[in-house]
């Protein structure tokens, strides 16, 4: 369970850090993350880079 939480936290930190630093590359990141993980995560990265 701790591993799952750590992985989630790391993903959130990476997404928020990338989107806040450079929003341009962050847009191309979700596209690469979608097929890697699953289609259920596609709606999650979209609202993050606002």
PDB file of N, CA and C in Angstrom:
ATOM      1  N   UNK A   1       0.843  -1.211   0.000  1.00  0.00           N
ATOM      2  CA  UNK A   1       0.000   0.000   0.000  1.00  0.00           C
ATOM      3  C   UNK A   1       0.876   1.257   0.000  1.00  0.00           C
ATOM      4  N   UNK A   2       1.939   1.227   0.788  1.00  0.00           N
ATOM      5  CA  UNK A   2       2.828   2.397   0.855  1.00  0.00           C
ATOM      6  C   UNK A   2       3.449   2.668  -0.515  1.00  0.00           C
ATOM      7  N   UNK A   3       3.761   1.594  -1.239  1.00  0.00           N
ATOM      8  CA  UNK A   3       4.372   1.752  -2.561  1.00  0.00           C
ATOM      9  C   UNK A   3       3.402   2.456  -3.503  1.00  0.00           C
ATOM     10  N   UNK A   4       2.135   2.050  -3.432  1.00  0.00           N
ATOM     11  CA  UNK A   4       1.107   2.659  -4.295  1.00  0.00           C
ATOM     12  C   UNK A   4       0.994   4.156  -4.004  1.00  0.00           C
ATOM     13  N   UNK A   5       0.947   4.485  -2.730  1.00  0.00           N
ATOM     14  CA  UNK A   5       0.833   5.895  -2.325  1.00  0.00           C
ATOM     15  C   UNK A   5       2.057   6.680  -2.758  1.00  0.00           C
ATOM     16  N   UNK A   6       3.228   6.075  -2.603  1.00  0.00           N
ATOM     17  CA  UNK A   6       4.477   6.748  -2.991  1.00  0.00           C
ATOM     18  C   UNK A   6       4.499   6.988  -4.490  1.00  0.00           C
ATOM     19  N   UNK A   7       4.080   5.986  -5.258  1.00  0.00           N
ATOM     20  CA  UNK A   7       4.056   6.109  -6.719  1.00  0.00           C
ATOM     21  C   UNK A   7       3.096   7.218  -7.135  1.00  0.00           C
ATOM     22  N   UNK A   8       1.942   7.261  -6.485  1.00  0.00           N
ATOM     23  CA  UNK A   8       0.943   8.293  -6.792  1.00  0.00           C
ATOM     24  C   UNK A   8       1.500   9.675  -6.456  1.00  0.00           C
ATOM     25  N   UNK A   9       2.110   9.784  -5.310  1.00  0.00           N
ATOM     26  CA  UNK A   9       2.670  11.073  -4.875  1.00  0.00           C
ATOM     27  C   UNK A   9       3.763  11.524  -5.838  1.00  0.00           C
ATOM     28  N   UNK A  10       4.608  10.586  -6.246  1.00  0.00           N
ATOM     29  CA  UNK A  10       5.693  10.904  -7.168  1.00  0.00           C
ATOM     30  C   UNK A  10       5.133  11.380  -8.503  1.00  0.00           C
ATOM     31  N   UNK A  11       4.099  10.686  -8.986  1.00  0.00           N
ATOM     32  CA  UNK A  11       3.482  11.065 -10.268  1.00  0.00           C
ATOM     33  C   UNK A  11       2.883  12.471 -10.176  1.00  0.00           C
ATOM     34  N   UNK A  12       2.208  12.743  -9.070  1.00  0.00           N
ATOM     35  CA  UNK A  12       1.588  14.070  -8.877  1.00  0.00           C
ATOM     36  C   UNK A  12       2.666  15.153  -8.812  1.00  0.00           C
ATOM     37  N   UNK A  13       3.722  14.854  -8.083  1.00  0.00           N
ATOM     38  CA  UNK A  13       4.832  15.816  -7.949  1.00  0.00           C
ATOM     39  C   UNK A  13       5.467  16.084  -9.307  1.00  0.00           C
ATOM     40  N   UNK A  14       5.675  15.032 -10.079  1.00  0.00           N
ATOM     41  CA  UNK A  14       6.291  15.179 -11.405  1.00  0.00           C
ATOM     42  C   UNK A  14       5.382  15.985 -12.318  1.00  0.00           C
ATOM     43  N   UNK A  15       4.079  15.648 -12.302  1.00  0.00           N
ATOM     44  CA  UNK A  15       3.125  16.345 -13.164  1.00  0.00           C
ATOM     45  C   UNK A  15       3.019  17.812 -12.784  1.00  0.00           C
ATOM     46  N   UNK A  16       2.862  18.081 -11.501  1.00  0.00           N
ATOM     47  CA  UNK A  16       2.717  19.472 -11.043  1.00  0.00           C
ATOM     48  C   UNK A  16       4.013  20.246 -11.273  1.00  0.00           C
ATOM     49  N   UNK A  17       5.142  19.605 -11.021  1.00  0.00           N
ATOM     50  CA  UNK A  17       6.428  20.265 -11.220  1.00  0.00           C
ATOM     51  C   UNK A  17       6.684  20.590 -12.687  1.00  0.00           C
ATOM     52  N   UNK A  18       6.381  19.641 -13.563  1.00  0.00           N
ATOM     53  CA  UNK A  18       6.601  19.860 -15.002  1.00  0.00           C
ATOM     54  C   UNK A  18       5.639  20.920 -15.543  1.00  0.00           C
ATOM     55  N   UNK A  19       4.382  20.849 -15.157  1.00  0.00           N
ATOM     56  CA  UNK A  19       3.375  21.787 -15.676  1.00  0.00           C
ATOM     57  C   UNK A  19       3.635  23.201 -15.178  1.00  0.00           C
ATOM     58  N   UNK A  20       4.103  23.341 -13.934  1.00  0.00           N
ATOM     59  CA  UNK A  20       4.349  24.676 -13.369  1.00  0.00           C
ATOM     60  C   UNK A  20       5.640  25.272 -13.940  1.00  0.00           C
ATOM     61  N   UNK A  21       6.629  24.418 -14.177  1.00  0.00           N
ATOM     62  CA  UNK A  21       7.910  24.899 -14.715  1.00  0.00           C
ATOM     63  C   UNK A  21       7.760  25.245 -16.197  1.00  0.00           C
ATOM     64  N   UNK A  22       7.406  24.232 -17.003  1.00  0.00           N
ATOM     65  CA  UNK A  22       7.258  24.464 -18.439  1.00  0.00           C
ATOM     66  C   UNK A  22       5.966  23.786 -18.916  1.00  0.00           C
ATOM     67  N   UNK A  23       4.904  24.568 -19.148  1.00  0.00           N
ATOM     68  CA  UNK A  23       3.615  24.016 -19.565  1.00  0.00           C
ATOM     69  C   UNK A  23       3.651  23.419 -20.970  1.00  0.00           C
ATOM     70  N   UNK A  24       4.596  23.835 -21.798  1.00  0.00           N
ATOM     71  CA  UNK A  24       4.658  23.319 -23.177  1.00  0.00           C
ATOM     72  C   UNK A  24       4.970  21.820 -23.223  1.00  0.00           C
ATOM     73  N   UNK A  25       6.096  21.371 -22.660  1.00  0.00           N
ATOM     74  CA  UNK A  25       6.433  19.941 -22.683  1.00  0.00           C
ATOM     75  C   UNK A  25       5.442  19.090 -21.891  1.00  0.00           C
ATOM     76  N   UNK A  26       4.785  19.684 -20.914  1.00  0.00           N
ATOM     77  CA  UNK A  26       3.822  18.947 -20.095  1.00  0.00           C
ATOM     78  C   UNK A  26       2.662  18.456 -20.961  1.00  0.00           C
ATOM     79  N   UNK A  27       2.332  19.203 -22.021  1.00  0.00           N
ATOM     80  CA  UNK A  27       1.216  18.833 -22.892  1.00  0.00           C
ATOM     81  C   UNK A  27       1.551  17.553 -23.651  1.00  0.00           C
ATOM     82  N   UNK A  28       2.820  17.371 -23.987  1.00  0.00           N
ATOM     83  CA  UNK A  28       3.217  16.177 -24.734  1.00  0.00           C
ATOM     84  C   UNK A  28       3.468  15.007 -23.789  1.00  0.00           C
ATOM     85  N   UNK A  29       3.652  15.299 -22.504  1.00  0.00           N
ATOM     86  CA  UNK A  29       3.907  14.237 -21.535  1.00  0.00           C
ATOM     87  C   UNK A  29       2.708  13.302 -21.356  1.00  0.00           C
ATOM     88  N   UNK A  30       1.491  13.844 -21.096  1.00  0.00           N
ATOM     89  CA  UNK A  30       0.311  12.985 -20.918  1.00  0.00           C
ATOM     90  C   UNK A  30       0.120  12.012 -22.067  1.00  0.00           C
ATOM     91  N   UNK A  31       0.415  12.432 -23.285  1.00  0.00           N
ATOM     92  CA  UNK A  31       0.241  11.568 -24.455  1.00  0.00           C
ATOM     93  C   UNK A  31       1.110  10.324 -24.314  1.00  0.00           C
ATOM     94  N   UNK A  32       2.304  10.502 -23.761  1.00  0.00           N
ATOM     95  CA  UNK A  32       3.220   9.369 -23.595  1.00  0.00           C
ATOM     96  C   UNK A  32       2.837   8.542 -22.362  1.00  0.00           C
ATOM     97  N   UNK A  33       2.220   9.206 -21.376  1.00  0.00           N
ATOM     98  CA  UNK A  33       1.828   8.507 -20.144  1.00  0.00           C
ATOM     99  C   UNK A  33       0.577   7.648 -20.392  1.00  0.00           C
ATOM    100  N   UNK A  34      -0.340   8.154 -21.209  1.00  0.00           N
ATOM    101  CA  UNK A  34      -1.593   7.441 -21.469  1.00  0.00           C
ATOM    102  C   UNK A  34      -1.367   5.970 -21.856  1.00  0.00           C
ATOM    103  N   UNK A  35      -0.647   5.703 -22.944  1.00  0.00           N
ATOM    104  CA  UNK A  35      -0.451   4.310 -23.370  1.00  0.00           C
ATOM    105  C   UNK A  35       0.396   3.514 -22.381  1.00  0.00           C
ATOM    106  N   UNK A  36       1.301   4.190 -21.682  1.00  0.00           N
ATOM    107  CA  UNK A  36       2.175   3.491 -20.739  1.00  0.00           C
ATOM    108  C   UNK A  36       1.366   2.926 -19.573  1.00  0.00           C
ATOM    109  N   UNK A  37       0.512   3.763 -18.982  1.00  0.00           N
ATOM    110  CA  UNK A  37      -0.274   3.312 -17.828  1.00  0.00           C
ATOM    111  C   UNK A  37      -1.599   2.703 -18.299  1.00  0.00           C
ATOM    112  N   UNK A  38      -2.617   3.548 -18.465  1.00  0.00           N
ATOM    113  CA  UNK A  38      -3.913   3.046 -18.907  1.00  0.00           C
ATOM    114  C   UNK A  38      -4.814   4.211 -19.320  1.00  0.00           C
ATOM    115  N   UNK A  39      -5.854   3.927 -20.113  1.00  0.00           N
ATOM    116  CA  UNK A  39      -6.768   4.979 -20.578  1.00  0.00           C
ATOM    117  C   UNK A  39      -7.548   5.633 -19.436  1.00  0.00           C
ATOM    118  N   UNK A  40      -7.544   5.024 -18.271  1.00  0.00           N
ATOM    119  CA  UNK A  40      -8.286   5.594 -17.142  1.00  0.00           C
ATOM    120  C   UNK A  40      -7.559   6.814 -16.582  1.00  0.00           C
ATOM    121  N   UNK A  41      -6.249   6.908 -16.839  1.00  0.00           N
ATOM    122  CA  UNK A  41      -5.465   8.027 -16.310  1.00  0.00           C
ATOM    123  C   UNK A  41      -5.462   9.217 -17.264  1.00  0.00           C
ATOM    124  N   UNK A  42      -5.975   9.034 -18.477  1.00  0.00           N
ATOM    125  CA  UNK A  42      -5.954  10.118 -19.463  1.00  0.00           C
ATOM    126  C   UNK A  42      -6.689  11.372 -18.965  1.00  0.00           C
ATOM    127  N   UNK A  43      -7.843  11.247 -18.309  1.00  0.00           N
ATOM    128  CA  UNK A  43      -8.558  12.445 -17.842  1.00  0.00           C
ATOM    129  C   UNK A  43      -7.885  13.101 -16.639  1.00  0.00           C
ATOM    130  N   UNK A  44      -6.987  12.390 -15.969  1.00  0.00           N
ATOM    131  CA  UNK A  44      -6.331  12.954 -14.788  1.00  0.00           C
ATOM    132  C   UNK A  44      -5.271  13.997 -15.150  1.00  0.00           C
ATOM    133  N   UNK A  45      -4.338  13.691 -16.059  1.00  0.00           N
ATOM    134  CA  UNK A  45      -3.281  14.664 -16.393  1.00  0.00           C
ATOM    135  C   UNK A  45      -3.799  15.898 -17.118  1.00  0.00           C
ATOM    136  N   UNK A  46      -4.967  15.778 -17.780  1.00  0.00           N
ATOM    137  CA  UNK A  46      -5.512  16.921 -18.529  1.00  0.00           C
ATOM    138  C   UNK A  46      -5.837  18.114 -17.623  1.00  0.00           C
ATOM    139  N   UNK A  47      -6.608  17.924 -16.553  1.00  0.00           N
ATOM    140  CA  UNK A  47      -6.971  19.056 -15.679  1.00  0.00           C
ATOM    141  C   UNK A  47      -5.792  19.595 -14.873  1.00  0.00           C
ATOM    142  N   UNK A  48      -4.720  18.813 -14.720  1.00  0.00           N
ATOM    143  CA  UNK A  48      -3.576  19.260 -13.927  1.00  0.00           C
ATOM    144  C   UNK A  48      -2.902  20.478 -14.561  1.00  0.00           C
ATOM    145  N   UNK A  49      -2.490  20.418 -15.843  1.00  0.00           N
ATOM    146  CA  UNK A  49      -1.847  21.589 -16.476  1.00  0.00           C
ATOM    147  C   UNK A  49      -2.874  22.633 -16.909  1.00  0.00           C
ATOM    148  N   UNK A  50      -3.314  23.469 -15.968  1.00  0.00           N
ATOM    149  CA  UNK A  50      -4.348  24.460 -16.309  1.00  0.00           C
ATOM    150  C   UNK A  50      -3.764  25.779 -16.727  1.00  0.00           C
TER     151      UNK A  50
END
